[in-house]
């Protein structure tokens, strides 16, 4: 089997991030989110991207926590989008659940028990 060498410069260079999504996970891309959304019957509009950015930002701010608290995330999203209708607004954007579905699109792991309908997630 031939030896495959790797350019050290590629290994140490900073990952390329989308400037519109500065808190995105390193392996996340906008195209990946669009593909998942299509599979789930969604067409992503600016409101969807705003929620994705908010989620990615929330996870970055809480990256030192071992586990993301579902209730805290639920309340933070409700507060963040209060002017637009809070969780009711988020359900119109993400019928599969504003936490579970939007976390999938944002490249994030949904908190434990995110499938409980009482927490705004159904998927």
PDB file of N, CA and C in Angstrom:
ATOM      1  N   UNK A   1       0.844  -1.174   0.000  1.00  0.00           N
ATOM      2  CA  UNK A   1       0.000   0.000   0.000  1.00  0.00           C
ATOM      3  C   UNK A   1       0.889   1.236   0.000  1.00  0.00           C
ATOM      4  N   UNK A   2       0.667   2.170  -0.931  1.00  0.00           N
ATOM      5  CA  UNK A   2       1.530   3.352  -1.001  1.00  0.00           C
ATOM      6  C   UNK A   2       1.292   4.277   0.195  1.00  0.00           C
ATOM      7  N   UNK A   3       2.356   4.929   0.604  1.00  0.00           N
ATOM      8  CA  UNK A   3       2.281   5.878   1.700  1.00  0.00           C
ATOM      9  C   UNK A   3       1.701   7.201   1.183  1.00  0.00           C
ATOM     10  N   UNK A   4       0.721   7.707   1.901  1.00  0.00           N
ATOM     11  CA  UNK A   4       0.114   8.977   1.519  1.00  0.00           C
ATOM     12  C   UNK A   4       0.620  10.031   2.491  1.00  0.00           C
ATOM     13  N   UNK A   5       1.296  11.027   1.981  1.00  0.00           N
ATOM     14  CA  UNK A   5       1.792  12.088   2.851  1.00  0.00           C
ATOM     15  C   UNK A   5       0.777  13.222   2.904  1.00  0.00           C
ATOM     16  N   UNK A   6       0.796  13.911   4.006  1.00  0.00           N
ATOM     17  CA  UNK A   6      -0.117  15.027   4.206  1.00  0.00           C
ATOM     18  C   UNK A   6       0.698  16.303   4.347  1.00  0.00           C
ATOM     19  N   UNK A   7       0.256  17.334   3.681  1.00  0.00           N
ATOM     20  CA  UNK A   7       0.925  18.627   3.766  1.00  0.00           C
ATOM     21  C   UNK A   7       0.684  19.204   5.158  1.00  0.00           C
ATOM     22  N   UNK A   8       1.754  19.441   5.902  1.00  0.00           N
ATOM     23  CA  UNK A   8       1.646  19.964   7.261  1.00  0.00           C
ATOM     24  C   UNK A   8       0.928  21.309   7.291  1.00  0.00           C
ATOM     25  N   UNK A   9       1.065  22.094   6.234  1.00  0.00           N
ATOM     26  CA  UNK A   9       0.388  23.394   6.179  1.00  0.00           C
ATOM     27  C   UNK A   9      -1.132  23.245   6.172  1.00  0.00           C
ATOM     28  N   UNK A  10      -1.621  22.177   5.546  1.00  0.00           N
ATOM     29  CA  UNK A  10      -3.060  21.937   5.554  1.00  0.00           C
ATOM     30  C   UNK A  10      -3.539  21.536   6.938  1.00  0.00           C
ATOM     31  N   UNK A  11      -2.709  20.821   7.672  1.00  0.00           N
ATOM     32  CA  UNK A  11      -3.093  20.369   9.000  1.00  0.00           C
ATOM     33  C   UNK A  11      -3.148  21.503  10.014  1.00  0.00           C
ATOM     34  N   UNK A  12      -2.280  22.495   9.871  1.00  0.00           N
ATOM     35  CA  UNK A  12      -2.210  23.555  10.875  1.00  0.00           C
ATOM     36  C   UNK A  12      -2.968  24.825  10.498  1.00  0.00           C
ATOM     37  N   UNK A  13      -3.468  24.905   9.280  1.00  0.00           N
ATOM     38  CA  UNK A  13      -4.161  26.124   8.886  1.00  0.00           C
ATOM     39  C   UNK A  13      -5.511  26.228   9.585  1.00  0.00           C
ATOM     40  N   UNK A  14      -5.931  27.448   9.786  1.00  0.00           N
ATOM     41  CA  UNK A  14      -7.216  27.711  10.413  1.00  0.00           C
ATOM     42  C   UNK A  14      -8.339  27.187   9.528  1.00  0.00           C
ATOM     43  N   UNK A  15      -9.367  26.567  10.139  1.00  0.00           N
ATOM     44  CA  UNK A  15     -10.482  26.101   9.318  1.00  0.00           C
ATOM     45  C   UNK A  15     -11.222  27.288   8.695  1.00  0.00           C
ATOM     46  N   UNK A  16     -11.726  27.074   7.504  1.00  0.00           N
ATOM     47  CA  UNK A  16     -12.460  28.122   6.815  1.00  0.00           C
ATOM     48  C   UNK A  16     -13.882  28.146   7.370  1.00  0.00           C
ATOM     49  N   UNK A  17     -14.285  29.298   7.862  1.00  0.00           N
ATOM     50  CA  UNK A  17     -15.633  29.420   8.402  1.00  0.00           C
ATOM     51  C   UNK A  17     -16.418  30.434   7.589  1.00  0.00           C
ATOM     52  N   UNK A  18     -17.720  30.243   7.579  1.00  0.00           N
ATOM     53  CA  UNK A  18     -18.617  31.154   6.902  1.00  0.00           C
ATOM     54  C   UNK A  18     -18.741  32.406   7.770  1.00  0.00           C
ATOM     55  N   UNK A  19     -18.403  33.589   7.258  1.00  0.00           N
ATOM     56  CA  UNK A  19     -18.461  34.804   8.081  1.00  0.00           C
ATOM     57  C   UNK A  19     -19.869  35.125   8.589  1.00  0.00           C
ATOM     58  N   UNK A  20     -20.885  34.595   7.923  1.00  0.00           N
ATOM     59  CA  UNK A  20     -22.257  34.815   8.382  1.00  0.00           C
ATOM     60  C   UNK A  20     -22.633  33.881   9.524  1.00  0.00           C
ATOM     61  N   UNK A  21     -21.789  32.882   9.772  1.00  0.00           N
ATOM     62  CA  UNK A  21     -22.036  31.897  10.827  1.00  0.00           C
ATOM     63  C   UNK A  21     -20.748  31.680  11.620  1.00  0.00           C
ATOM     64  N   UNK A  22     -20.318  32.710  12.367  1.00  0.00           N
ATOM     65  CA  UNK A  22     -19.018  32.634  13.039  1.00  0.00           C
ATOM     66  C   UNK A  22     -18.942  31.594  14.156  1.00  0.00           C
ATOM     67  N   UNK A  23     -20.080  31.135  14.659  1.00  0.00           N
ATOM     68  CA  UNK A  23     -20.084  30.171  15.761  1.00  0.00           C
ATOM     69  C   UNK A  23     -20.465  28.764  15.312  1.00  0.00           C
ATOM     70  N   UNK A  24     -20.456  28.547  14.007  1.00  0.00           N
ATOM     71  CA  UNK A  24     -20.837  27.238  13.469  1.00  0.00           C
ATOM     72  C   UNK A  24     -19.810  26.175  13.846  1.00  0.00           C
ATOM     73  N   UNK A  25     -20.270  24.930  14.037  1.00  0.00           N
ATOM     74  CA  UNK A  25     -19.308  23.841  14.246  1.00  0.00           C
ATOM     75  C   UNK A  25     -18.353  23.760  13.053  1.00  0.00           C
ATOM     76  N   UNK A  26     -17.145  23.283  13.292  1.00  0.00           N
ATOM     77  CA  UNK A  26     -16.125  23.262  12.254  1.00  0.00           C
ATOM     78  C   UNK A  26     -16.521  22.445  11.029  1.00  0.00           C
ATOM     79  N   UNK A  27     -17.284  21.387  11.222  1.00  0.00           N
ATOM     80  CA  UNK A  27     -17.656  20.533  10.091  1.00  0.00           C
ATOM     81  C   UNK A  27     -18.991  20.922   9.460  1.00  0.00           C
ATOM     82  N   UNK A  28     -19.582  22.035   9.881  1.00  0.00           N
ATOM     83  CA  UNK A  28     -20.888  22.471   9.389  1.00  0.00           C
ATOM     84  C   UNK A  28     -20.739  23.379   8.174  1.00  0.00           C
ATOM     85  N   UNK A  29     -21.633  23.202   7.209  1.00  0.00           N
ATOM     86  CA  UNK A  29     -21.700  24.132   6.075  1.00  0.00           C
ATOM     87  C   UNK A  29     -23.155  24.480   5.804  1.00  0.00           C
ATOM     88  N   UNK A  30     -23.327  25.613   5.192  1.00  0.00           N
ATOM     89  CA  UNK A  30     -24.663  26.065   4.791  1.00  0.00           C
ATOM     90  C   UNK A  30     -25.313  25.056   3.843  1.00  0.00           C
ATOM     91  N   UNK A  31     -24.515  24.524   2.924  1.00  0.00           N
ATOM     92  CA  UNK A  31     -25.029  23.541   1.966  1.00  0.00           C
ATOM     93  C   UNK A  31     -25.537  22.286   2.671  1.00  0.00           C
ATOM     94  N   UNK A  32     -24.840  21.877   3.711  1.00  0.00           N
ATOM     95  CA  UNK A  32     -25.267  20.711   4.479  1.00  0.00           C
ATOM     96  C   UNK A  32     -26.637  20.983   5.119  1.00  0.00           C
ATOM     97  N   UNK A  33     -26.808  22.172   5.675  1.00  0.00           N
ATOM     98  CA  UNK A  33     -28.090  22.543   6.289  1.00  0.00           C
ATOM     99  C   UNK A  33     -29.205  22.577   5.243  1.00  0.00           C
ATOM    100  N   UNK A  34     -28.897  23.094   4.064  1.00  0.00           N
ATOM    101  CA  UNK A  34     -29.897  23.158   2.987  1.00  0.00           C
ATOM    102  C   UNK A  34     -30.315  21.753   2.568  1.00  0.00           C
ATOM    103  N   UNK A  35     -29.348  20.856   2.487  1.00  0.00           N
ATOM    104  CA  UNK A  35     -29.661  19.474   2.105  1.00  0.00           C
ATOM    105  C   UNK A  35     -30.560  18.805   3.145  1.00  0.00           C
ATOM    106  N   UNK A  36     -30.244  18.958   4.414  1.00  0.00           N
ATOM    107  CA  UNK A  36     -31.074  18.381   5.478  1.00  0.00           C
ATOM    108  C   UNK A  36     -32.467  18.990   5.443  1.00  0.00           C
ATOM    109  N   UNK A  37     -32.538  20.302   5.252  1.00  0.00           N
ATOM    110  CA  UNK A  37     -33.842  20.982   5.207  1.00  0.00           C
ATOM    111  C   UNK A  37     -34.703  20.434   4.068  1.00  0.00           C
ATOM    112  N   UNK A  38     -34.106  20.252   2.904  1.00  0.00           N
ATOM    113  CA  UNK A  38     -34.854  19.689   1.765  1.00  0.00           C
ATOM    114  C   UNK A  38     -35.390  18.310   2.096  1.00  0.00           C
ATOM    115  N   UNK A  39     -34.547  17.487   2.719  1.00  0.00           N
ATOM    116  CA  UNK A  39     -34.964  16.134   3.105  1.00  0.00           C
ATOM    117  C   UNK A  39     -36.139  16.182   4.084  1.00  0.00           C
ATOM    118  N   UNK A  40     -36.216  17.241   4.871  1.00  0.00           N
ATOM    119  CA  UNK A  40     -37.273  17.383   5.866  1.00  0.00           C
ATOM    120  C   UNK A  40     -38.421  18.260   5.373  1.00  0.00           C
ATOM    121  N   UNK A  41     -38.392  18.626   4.099  1.00  0.00           N
ATOM    122  CA  UNK A  41     -39.481  19.397   3.509  1.00  0.00           C
ATOM    123  C   UNK A  41     -39.494  20.875   3.837  1.00  0.00           C
ATOM    124  N   UNK A  42     -38.331  21.434   4.144  1.00  0.00           N
ATOM    125  CA  UNK A  42     -38.236  22.864   4.459  1.00  0.00           C
ATOM    126  C   UNK A  42     -37.456  23.609   3.391  1.00  0.00           C
ATOM    127  N   UNK A  43     -37.857  24.830   3.166  1.00  0.00           N
ATOM    128  CA  UNK A  43     -37.065  25.746   2.348  1.00  0.00           C
ATOM    129  C   UNK A  43     -36.582  26.836   3.288  1.00  0.00           C
ATOM    130  N   UNK A  44     -35.276  26.932   3.452  1.00  0.00           N
ATOM    131  CA  UNK A  44     -34.716  27.853   4.434  1.00  0.00           C
ATOM    132  C   UNK A  44     -34.760  29.294   3.943  1.00  0.00           C
ATOM    133  N   UNK A  45     -35.370  30.127   4.759  1.00  0.00           N
ATOM    134  CA  UNK A  45     -35.451  31.574   4.524  1.00  0.00           C
ATOM    135  C   UNK A  45     -34.589  32.279   5.574  1.00  0.00           C
ATOM    136  N   UNK A  46     -34.524  33.591   5.504  1.00  0.00           N
ATOM    137  CA  UNK A  46     -33.681  34.351   6.424  1.00  0.00           C
ATOM    138  C   UNK A  46     -34.049  34.110   7.893  1.00  0.00           C
ATOM    139  N   UNK A  47     -35.344  33.955   8.202  1.00  0.00           N
ATOM    140  CA  UNK A  47     -35.741  33.673   9.592  1.00  0.00           C
ATOM    141  C   UNK A  47     -35.152  32.352  10.086  1.00  0.00           C
ATOM    142  N   UNK A  48     -35.110  31.347   9.222  1.00  0.00           N
ATOM    143  CA  UNK A  48     -34.508  30.068   9.593  1.00  0.00           C
ATOM    144  C   UNK A  48     -33.019  30.255   9.913  1.00  0.00           C
ATOM    145  N   UNK A  49     -32.331  31.002   9.048  1.00  0.00           N
ATOM    146  CA  UNK A  49     -30.896  31.228   9.258  1.00  0.00           C
ATOM    147  C   UNK A  49     -30.652  32.002  10.550  1.00  0.00           C
ATOM    148  N   UNK A  50     -31.560  32.909  10.876  1.00  0.00           N
ATOM    149  CA  UNK A  50     -31.419  33.681  12.117  1.00  0.00           C
ATOM    150  C   UNK A  50     -31.490  32.745  13.333  1.00  0.00           C
ATOM    151  N   UNK A  51     -32.398  31.797  13.296  1.00  0.00           N
ATOM    152  CA  UNK A  51     -32.515  30.823  14.386  1.00  0.00           C
ATOM    153  C   UNK A  51     -31.268  29.943  14.447  1.00  0.00           C
ATOM    154  N   UNK A  52     -30.788  29.510  13.305  1.00  0.00           N
ATOM    155  CA  UNK A  52     -29.578  28.680  13.253  1.00  0.00           C
ATOM    156  C   UNK A  52     -28.400  29.437  13.849  1.00  0.00           C
ATOM    157  N   UNK A  53     -28.246  30.719  13.489  1.00  0.00           N
ATOM    158  CA  UNK A  53     -27.160  31.534  14.059  1.00  0.00           C
ATOM    159  C   UNK A  53     -27.322  31.663  15.577  1.00  0.00           C
ATOM    160  N   UNK A  54     -28.554  31.885  16.033  1.00  0.00           N
ATOM    161  CA  UNK A  54     -28.810  32.033  17.469  1.00  0.00           C
ATOM    162  C   UNK A  54     -28.457  30.744  18.219  1.00  0.00           C
ATOM    163  N   UNK A  55     -28.822  29.604  17.651  1.00  0.00           N
ATOM    164  CA  UNK A  55     -28.492  28.320  18.280  1.00  0.00           C
ATOM    165  C   UNK A  55     -26.986  28.099  18.334  1.00  0.00           C
ATOM    166  N   UNK A  56     -26.321  28.346  17.232  1.00  0.00           N
ATOM    167  CA  UNK A  56     -24.873  28.162  17.206  1.00  0.00           C
ATOM    168  C   UNK A  56     -24.188  29.084  18.208  1.00  0.00           C
ATOM    169  N   UNK A  57     -24.670  30.295  18.327  1.00  0.00           N
ATOM    170  CA  UNK A  57     -24.139  31.242  19.299  1.00  0.00           C
ATOM    171  C   UNK A  57     -24.380  30.750  20.728  1.00  0.00           C
ATOM    172  N   UNK A  58     -25.593  30.268  20.998  1.00  0.00           N
ATOM    173  CA  UNK A  58     -25.926  29.753  22.334  1.00  0.00           C
ATOM    174  C   UNK A  58     -24.989  28.603  22.708  1.00  0.00           C
ATOM    175  N   UNK A  59     -24.809  27.674  21.795  1.00  0.00           N
ATOM    176  CA  UNK A  59     -23.940  26.530  22.075  1.00  0.00           C
ATOM    177  C   UNK A  59     -22.497  26.984  22.312  1.00  0.00           C
ATOM    178  N   UNK A  60     -22.041  27.983  21.576  1.00  0.00           N
ATOM    179  CA  UNK A  60     -20.678  28.495  21.783  1.00  0.00           C
ATOM    180  C   UNK A  60     -20.548  29.115  23.169  1.00  0.00           C
ATOM    181  N   UNK A  61     -21.561  29.853  23.584  1.00  0.00           N
ATOM    182  CA  UNK A  61     -21.520  30.492  24.906  1.00  0.00           C
ATOM    183  C   UNK A  61     -21.579  29.469  26.041  1.00  0.00           C
ATOM    184  N   UNK A  62     -22.098  28.290  25.767  1.00  0.00           N
ATOM    185  CA  UNK A  62     -22.242  27.254  26.790  1.00  0.00           C
ATOM    186  C   UNK A  62     -21.354  26.040  26.519  1.00  0.00           C
ATOM    187  N   UNK A  63     -20.292  26.221  25.737  1.00  0.00           N
ATOM    188  CA  UNK A  63     -19.449  25.096  25.347  1.00  0.00           C
ATOM    189  C   UNK A  63     -18.699  24.470  26.512  1.00  0.00           C
ATOM    190  N   UNK A  64     -18.547  25.186  27.614  1.00  0.00           N
ATOM    191  CA  UNK A  64     -17.851  24.631  28.769  1.00  0.00           C
ATOM    192  C   UNK A  64     -18.749  23.720  29.606  1.00  0.00           C
ATOM    193  N   UNK A  65     -20.045  23.774  29.339  1.00  0.00           N
ATOM    194  CA  UNK A  65     -20.970  22.936  30.090  1.00  0.00           C
ATOM    195  C   UNK A  65     -20.938  21.523  29.527  1.00  0.00           C
ATOM    196  N   UNK A  66     -20.985  20.556  30.408  1.00  0.00           N
ATOM    197  CA  UNK A  66     -20.959  19.161  29.984  1.00  0.00           C
ATOM    198  C   UNK A  66     -22.196  18.826  29.173  1.00  0.00           C
ATOM    199  N   UNK A  67     -23.336  19.345  29.608  1.00  0.00           N
ATOM    200  CA  UNK A  67     -24.613  19.056  28.963  1.00  0.00           C
ATOM    201  C   UNK A  67     -25.366  20.371  28.772  1.00  0.00           C
ATOM    202  N   UNK A  68     -25.953  20.546  27.597  1.00  0.00           N
ATOM    203  CA  UNK A  68     -26.796  21.716  27.349  1.00  0.00           C
ATOM    204  C   UNK A  68     -28.126  21.478  28.049  1.00  0.00           C
ATOM    205  N   UNK A  69     -28.539  22.414  28.890  1.00  0.00           N
ATOM    206  CA  UNK A  69     -29.793  22.293  29.621  1.00  0.00           C
ATOM    207  C   UNK A  69     -30.952  22.624  28.685  1.00  0.00           C
ATOM    208  N   UNK A  70     -31.825  21.657  28.490  1.00  0.00           N
ATOM    209  CA  UNK A  70     -32.932  21.812  27.547  1.00  0.00           C
ATOM    210  C   UNK A  70     -33.852  22.956  27.938  1.00  0.00           C
ATOM    211  N   UNK A  71     -34.204  23.053  29.205  1.00  0.00           N
ATOM    212  CA  UNK A  71     -35.116  24.117  29.659  1.00  0.00           C
ATOM    213  C   UNK A  71     -34.483  25.490  29.438  1.00  0.00           C
ATOM    214  N   UNK A  72     -33.194  25.621  29.728  1.00  0.00           N
ATOM    215  CA  UNK A  72     -32.512  26.906  29.525  1.00  0.00           C
ATOM    216  C   UNK A  72     -32.478  27.279  28.043  1.00  0.00           C
ATOM    217  N   UNK A  73     -32.200  26.307  27.186  1.00  0.00           N
ATOM    218  CA  UNK A  73     -32.181  26.563  25.741  1.00  0.00           C
ATOM    219  C   UNK A  73     -33.569  26.947  25.257  1.00  0.00           C
ATOM    220  N   UNK A  74     -34.566  26.235  25.707  1.00  0.00           N
ATOM    221  CA  UNK A  74     -35.966  26.511  25.375  1.00  0.00           C
ATOM    222  C   UNK A  74     -36.304  27.957  25.736  1.00  0.00           C
ATOM    223  N   UNK A  75     -35.982  28.351  26.959  1.00  0.00           N
ATOM    224  CA  UNK A  75     -36.286  29.705  27.430  1.00  0.00           C
ATOM    225  C   UNK A  75     -35.478  30.762  26.672  1.00  0.00           C
ATOM    226  N   UNK A  76     -34.219  30.456  26.353  1.00  0.00           N
ATOM    227  CA  UNK A  76     -33.383  31.409  25.622  1.00  0.00           C
ATOM    228  C   UNK A  76     -33.930  31.660  24.220  1.00  0.00           C
ATOM    229  N   UNK A  77     -34.372  30.595  23.550  1.00  0.00           N
ATOM    230  CA  UNK A  77     -34.958  30.762  22.208  1.00  0.00           C
ATOM    231  C   UNK A  77     -36.259  31.552  22.281  1.00  0.00           C
ATOM    232  N   UNK A  78     -37.073  31.246  23.270  1.00  0.00           N
ATOM    233  CA  UNK A  78     -38.339  31.961  23.435  1.00  0.00           C
ATOM    234  C   UNK A  78     -38.083  33.447  23.656  1.00  0.00           C
ATOM    235  N   UNK A  79     -37.102  33.753  24.481  1.00  0.00           N
ATOM    236  CA  UNK A  79     -36.764  35.146  24.760  1.00  0.00           C
ATOM    237  C   UNK A  79     -36.145  35.836  23.543  1.00  0.00           C
ATOM    238  N   UNK A  80     -35.236  35.151  22.878  1.00  0.00           N
ATOM    239  CA  UNK A  80     -34.535  35.714  21.714  1.00  0.00           C
ATOM    240  C   UNK A  80     -35.519  36.103  20.604  1.00  0.00           C
ATOM    241  N   UNK A  81     -36.557  35.304  20.433  1.00  0.00           N
ATOM    242  CA  UNK A  81     -37.516  35.548  19.349  1.00  0.00           C
ATOM    243  C   UNK A  81     -38.869  36.021  19.872  1.00  0.00           C
ATOM    244  N   UNK A  82     -38.857  36.592  21.061  1.00  0.00           N
ATOM    245  CA  UNK A  82     -40.086  37.087  21.687  1.00  0.00           C
ATOM    246  C   UNK A  82     -40.806  38.122  20.816  1.00  0.00           C
ATOM    247  N   UNK A  83     -40.047  39.032  20.228  1.00  0.00           N
ATOM    248  CA  UNK A  83     -40.645  40.096  19.394  1.00  0.00           C
ATOM    249  C   UNK A  83     -41.393  39.538  18.185  1.00  0.00           C
ATOM    250  N   UNK A  84     -40.996  38.360  17.740  1.00  0.00           N
ATOM    251  CA  UNK A  84     -41.631  37.758  16.561  1.00  0.00           C
ATOM    252  C   UNK A  84     -42.697  36.734  16.935  1.00  0.00           C
ATOM    253  N   UNK A  85     -42.850  36.474  18.233  1.00  0.00           N
ATOM    254  CA  UNK A  85     -43.855  35.515  18.666  1.00  0.00           C
ATOM    255  C   UNK A  85     -43.306  34.354  19.472  1.00  0.00           C
ATOM    256  N   UNK A  86     -42.023  34.379  19.785  1.00  0.00           N
ATOM    257  CA  UNK A  86     -41.428  33.352  20.634  1.00  0.00           C
ATOM    258  C   UNK A  86     -41.527  31.961  20.028  1.00  0.00           C
ATOM    259  N   UNK A  87     -41.867  30.997  20.873  1.00  0.00           N
ATOM    260  CA  UNK A  87     -41.911  29.607  20.414  1.00  0.00           C
ATOM    261  C   UNK A  87     -42.994  29.362  19.372  1.00  0.00           C
ATOM    262  N   UNK A  88     -44.093  30.102  19.447  1.00  0.00           N
ATOM    263  CA  UNK A  88     -45.138  29.942  18.422  1.00  0.00           C
ATOM    264  C   UNK A  88     -44.562  30.272  17.044  1.00  0.00           C
ATOM    265  N   UNK A  89     -43.792  31.332  16.978  1.00  0.00           N
ATOM    266  CA  UNK A  89     -43.122  31.718  15.736  1.00  0.00           C
ATOM    267  C   UNK A  89     -42.154  30.624  15.288  1.00  0.00           C
ATOM    268  N   UNK A  90     -41.379  30.093  16.230  1.00  0.00           N
ATOM    269  CA  UNK A  90     -40.400  29.066  15.908  1.00  0.00           C
ATOM    270  C   UNK A  90     -41.057  27.789  15.409  1.00  0.00           C
ATOM    271  N   UNK A  91     -42.236  27.453  15.938  1.00  0.00           N
ATOM    272  CA  UNK A  91     -42.965  26.280  15.438  1.00  0.00           C
ATOM    273  C   UNK A  91     -43.400  26.467  13.986  1.00  0.00           C
ATOM    274  N   UNK A  92     -43.692  27.706  13.590  1.00  0.00           N
ATOM    275  CA  UNK A  92     -44.075  27.927  12.191  1.00  0.00           C
ATOM    276  C   UNK A  92     -42.884  27.706  11.265  1.00  0.00           C
ATOM    277  N   UNK A  93     -41.685  28.001  11.757  1.00  0.00           N
ATOM    278  CA  UNK A  93     -40.469  27.801  10.965  1.00  0.00           C
ATOM    279  C   UNK A  93     -40.017  26.349  10.968  1.00  0.00           C
ATOM    280  N   UNK A  94     -40.120  25.709  12.128  1.00  0.00           N
ATOM    281  CA  UNK A  94     -39.614  24.354  12.316  1.00  0.00           C
ATOM    282  C   UNK A  94     -40.726  23.447  12.841  1.00  0.00           C
ATOM    283  N   UNK A  95     -41.580  22.956  11.951  1.00  0.00           N
ATOM    284  CA  UNK A  95     -42.694  22.114  12.396  1.00  0.00           C
ATOM    285  C   UNK A  95     -42.230  20.806  13.034  1.00  0.00           C
ATOM    286  N   UNK A  96     -40.989  20.418  12.814  1.00  0.00           N
ATOM    287  CA  UNK A  96     -40.436  19.231  13.453  1.00  0.00           C
ATOM    288  C   UNK A  96     -39.901  19.516  14.846  1.00  0.00           C
ATOM    289  N   UNK A  97     -40.158  20.702  15.343  1.00  0.00           N
ATOM    290  CA  UNK A  97     -39.720  21.106  16.675  1.00  0.00           C
ATOM    291  C   UNK A  97     -38.641  22.158  16.615  1.00  0.00           C
ATOM    292  N   UNK A  98     -38.871  23.293  17.260  1.00  0.00           N
ATOM    293  CA  UNK A  98     -37.899  24.378  17.182  1.00  0.00           C
ATOM    294  C   UNK A  98     -36.547  24.063  17.804  1.00  0.00           C
ATOM    295  N   UNK A  99     -36.475  23.039  18.624  1.00  0.00           N
ATOM    296  CA  UNK A  99     -35.169  22.684  19.185  1.00  0.00           C
ATOM    297  C   UNK A  99     -34.561  21.518  18.412  1.00  0.00           C
ATOM    298  N   UNK A 100     -35.263  20.421  18.327  1.00  0.00           N
ATOM    299  CA  UNK A 100     -34.700  19.229  17.682  1.00  0.00           C
ATOM    300  C   UNK A 100     -34.384  19.471  16.210  1.00  0.00           C
ATOM    301  N   UNK A 101     -35.333  19.995  15.471  1.00  0.00           N
ATOM    302  CA  UNK A 101     -35.125  20.188  14.032  1.00  0.00           C
ATOM    303  C   UNK A 101     -34.097  21.277  13.752  1.00  0.00           C
ATOM    304  N   UNK A 102     -34.188  22.380  14.479  1.00  0.00           N
ATOM    305  CA  UNK A 102     -33.233  23.463  14.216  1.00  0.00           C
ATOM    306  C   UNK A 102     -31.816  23.066  14.643  1.00  0.00           C
ATOM    307  N   UNK A 103     -31.667  22.255  15.677  1.00  0.00           N
ATOM    308  CA  UNK A 103     -30.332  21.773  16.058  1.00  0.00           C
ATOM    309  C   UNK A 103     -29.750  20.912  14.952  1.00  0.00           C
ATOM    310  N   UNK A 104     -30.568  20.055  14.351  1.00  0.00           N
ATOM    311  CA  UNK A 104     -30.065  19.230  13.236  1.00  0.00           C
ATOM    312  C   UNK A 104     -29.545  20.115  12.115  1.00  0.00           C
ATOM    313  N   UNK A 105     -30.306  21.156  11.784  1.00  0.00           N
ATOM    314  CA  UNK A 105     -29.915  22.048  10.692  1.00  0.00           C
ATOM    315  C   UNK A 105     -28.687  22.886  11.050  1.00  0.00           C
ATOM    316  N   UNK A 106     -28.520  23.179  12.325  1.00  0.00           N
ATOM    317  CA  UNK A 106     -27.390  23.994  12.776  1.00  0.00           C
ATOM    318  C   UNK A 106     -26.130  23.168  12.992  1.00  0.00           C
ATOM    319  N   UNK A 107     -26.228  21.843  12.808  1.00  0.00           N
ATOM    320  CA  UNK A 107     -25.073  20.982  13.004  1.00  0.00           C
ATOM    321  C   UNK A 107     -24.753  20.731  14.460  1.00  0.00           C
ATOM    322  N   UNK A 108     -25.776  20.824  15.313  1.00  0.00           N
ATOM    323  CA  UNK A 108     -25.588  20.683  16.748  1.00  0.00           C
ATOM    324  C   UNK A 108     -26.345  19.476  17.279  1.00  0.00           C
ATOM    325  N   UNK A 109     -25.871  18.935  18.358  1.00  0.00           N
ATOM    326  CA  UNK A 109     -26.554  17.815  18.992  1.00  0.00           C
ATOM    327  C   UNK A 109     -27.649  18.383  19.884  1.00  0.00           C
ATOM    328  N   UNK A 110     -28.884  17.965  19.632  1.00  0.00           N
ATOM    329  CA  UNK A 110     -29.998  18.438  20.452  1.00  0.00           C
ATOM    330  C   UNK A 110     -29.836  17.922  21.882  1.00  0.00           C
ATOM    331  N   UNK A 111     -30.245  18.719  22.856  1.00  0.00           N
ATOM    332  CA  UNK A 111     -30.145  18.280  24.249  1.00  0.00           C
ATOM    333  C   UNK A 111     -30.947  17.007  24.498  1.00  0.00           C
ATOM    334  N   UNK A 112     -30.538  16.288  25.520  1.00  0.00           N
ATOM    335  CA  UNK A 112     -31.234  15.082  25.946  1.00  0.00           C
ATOM    336  C   UNK A 112     -32.707  15.402  26.182  1.00  0.00           C
ATOM    337  N   UNK A 113     -33.567  14.532  25.782  1.00  0.00           N
ATOM    338  CA  UNK A 113     -35.020  14.665  25.943  1.00  0.00           C
ATOM    339  C   UNK A 113     -35.625  15.743  25.038  1.00  0.00           C
ATOM    340  N   UNK A 114     -34.929  16.147  24.001  1.00  0.00           N
ATOM    341  CA  UNK A 114     -35.441  17.200  23.119  1.00  0.00           C
ATOM    342  C   UNK A 114     -36.647  16.740  22.314  1.00  0.00           C
ATOM    343  N   UNK A 115     -36.977  15.465  22.381  1.00  0.00           N
ATOM    344  CA  UNK A 115     -38.145  14.987  21.644  1.00  0.00           C
ATOM    345  C   UNK A 115     -39.423  15.118  22.464  1.00  0.00           C
ATOM    346  N   UNK A 116     -39.320  15.603  23.701  1.00  0.00           N
ATOM    347  CA  UNK A 116     -40.503  15.800  24.539  1.00  0.00           C
ATOM    348  C   UNK A 116     -41.278  17.000  24.017  1.00  0.00           C
ATOM    349  N   UNK A 117     -42.532  16.794  23.636  1.00  0.00           N
ATOM    350  CA  UNK A 117     -43.341  17.875  23.066  1.00  0.00           C
ATOM    351  C   UNK A 117     -43.458  19.065  24.010  1.00  0.00           C
ATOM    352  N   UNK A 118     -43.361  18.840  25.298  1.00  0.00           N
ATOM    353  CA  UNK A 118     -43.452  19.917  26.266  1.00  0.00           C
ATOM    354  C   UNK A 118     -42.289  20.892  26.209  1.00  0.00           C
ATOM    355  N   UNK A 119     -41.216  20.509  25.545  1.00  0.00           N
ATOM    356  CA  UNK A 119     -40.052  21.376  25.421  1.00  0.00           C
ATOM    357  C   UNK A 119     -39.935  21.988  24.032  1.00  0.00           C
ATOM    358  N   UNK A 120     -40.976  21.947  23.264  1.00  0.00           N
ATOM    359  CA  UNK A 120     -40.949  22.599  21.956  1.00  0.00           C
ATOM    360  C   UNK A 120     -40.255  21.804  20.889  1.00  0.00           C
ATOM    361  N   UNK A 121     -40.201  20.492  21.029  1.00  0.00           N
ATOM    362  CA  UNK A 121     -39.563  19.669  20.018  1.00  0.00           C
ATOM    363  C   UNK A 121     -40.373  18.405  19.819  1.00  0.00           C
ATOM    364  N   UNK A 122     -40.499  18.011  18.571  1.00  0.00           N
ATOM    365  CA  UNK A 122     -41.265  16.809  18.283  1.00  0.00           C
ATOM    366  C   UNK A 122     -40.518  15.820  17.414  1.00  0.00           C
ATOM    367  N   UNK A 123     -39.307  16.133  17.039  1.00  0.00           N
ATOM    368  CA  UNK A 123     -38.549  15.219  16.160  1.00  0.00           C
ATOM    369  C   UNK A 123     -37.307  14.731  16.842  1.00  0.00           C
TER     370      UNK A 123
END
